Protein backbone atom coordinates (compact mmCIF):
# COMPACT_ATOMS: atom_id res chain seq x y z
CA VAL A 1 110.14 108.01 92.53
CA ILE A 2 108.20 105.01 92.46
CA GLY A 3 104.72 106.42 93.42
CA LYS A 4 105.03 108.75 90.56
CA ALA A 5 106.16 105.90 88.19
CA GLU A 6 103.22 103.95 89.57
CA SER A 7 100.33 106.92 89.63
CA LEU A 8 101.72 107.79 85.73
CA ALA A 9 101.49 104.12 84.69
CA THR A 10 97.77 103.99 85.02
CA TYR A 11 97.47 106.91 81.97
CA THR A 12 100.64 105.68 80.09
CA PHE A 13 99.79 101.93 79.84
CA GLY A 14 96.13 101.94 80.87
CA TRP A 15 96.37 100.03 84.05
CA ARG A 16 93.83 100.20 86.67
CA GLU A 17 94.58 100.88 90.46
CA CYS A 18 93.06 98.96 93.05
CA TYR A 19 93.31 99.58 96.61
CA VAL A 20 92.25 97.68 99.82
CA GLU A 21 90.97 99.20 102.96
CA LYS A 22 92.27 96.53 105.39
CA ILE A 23 95.53 94.99 104.77
CA ASP A 24 93.74 91.52 105.99
CA ASP A 25 91.40 91.74 102.88
CA LEU A 26 94.69 91.90 100.67
CA PRO A 27 94.60 88.00 99.79
CA ALA A 28 90.85 87.70 98.94
CA ARG A 29 91.21 90.81 96.83
CA MET A 30 94.46 89.49 94.77
CA THR A 31 92.67 86.23 94.20
CA GLU A 32 89.72 88.74 92.53
CA ILE A 33 91.81 90.92 90.80
CA LYS A 34 94.57 89.00 89.48
CA PRO A 35 97.43 91.65 89.72
CA THR A 36 100.18 91.72 87.15
CA ILE A 37 102.39 94.20 89.25
CA ILE A 38 101.78 95.08 92.81
CA PHE A 39 103.22 98.41 94.47
CA GLY A 40 103.38 98.53 98.25
CA VAL A 41 105.10 99.72 101.47
CA PRO A 42 107.31 97.34 102.91
CA ARG A 43 104.60 96.68 105.81
CA VAL A 44 102.46 94.99 102.98
CA PHE A 45 105.07 92.56 101.89
CA GLU A 46 106.13 91.99 105.65
CA LYS A 47 102.59 90.81 106.45
CA ALA A 48 102.65 88.63 103.48
CA TYR A 49 105.59 86.96 104.37
CA ALA A 50 104.59 86.51 107.86
CA ARG A 51 101.42 84.73 106.89
CA VAL A 52 103.83 82.55 104.26
CA GLN A 53 106.04 81.59 107.14
CA HIS A 54 102.78 80.81 109.47
CA GLY A 55 101.64 78.52 106.96
CA LEU A 56 104.91 76.40 106.37
CA LYS A 57 104.73 74.81 109.44
CA ASP A 58 101.79 72.49 107.85
CA LEU A 59 104.09 71.49 105.22
CA SER A 60 105.80 68.32 105.04
CA PRO A 61 109.74 68.43 105.26
CA ALA A 62 110.12 67.41 101.62
CA LYS A 63 107.72 70.47 100.45
CA ARG A 64 109.54 72.76 103.14
CA ARG A 65 113.25 72.10 101.67
CA LEU A 66 111.39 73.01 97.94
CA PHE A 67 110.14 76.14 99.54
CA ASP A 68 113.57 77.27 100.98
CA TRP A 69 115.32 76.22 97.95
CA ALA A 70 112.94 78.40 95.81
CA VAL A 71 113.46 81.36 98.32
CA ALA A 72 117.31 81.00 98.13
CA ALA A 73 116.80 80.87 94.34
CA GLY A 74 115.14 83.89 94.33
CA LYS A 75 117.50 85.53 96.50
CA ASP A 76 120.54 84.62 94.27
């Protein structure tokens, strides 16, 4: 159902569709395209989450607590 809605939205709302060939190119393309909404398979979001988690080790404890709070607030 989501796939049909996504493909019809390009015609209904004038959205444009963008694709990347390699998932590793996704962050650079998102910076370039600045999407409003993203449709993707779960693996795309799992890889993005893993990349964020990897970057958390470089944060200060205060920033880490802030991040954890934001994630918890989002889940609520």
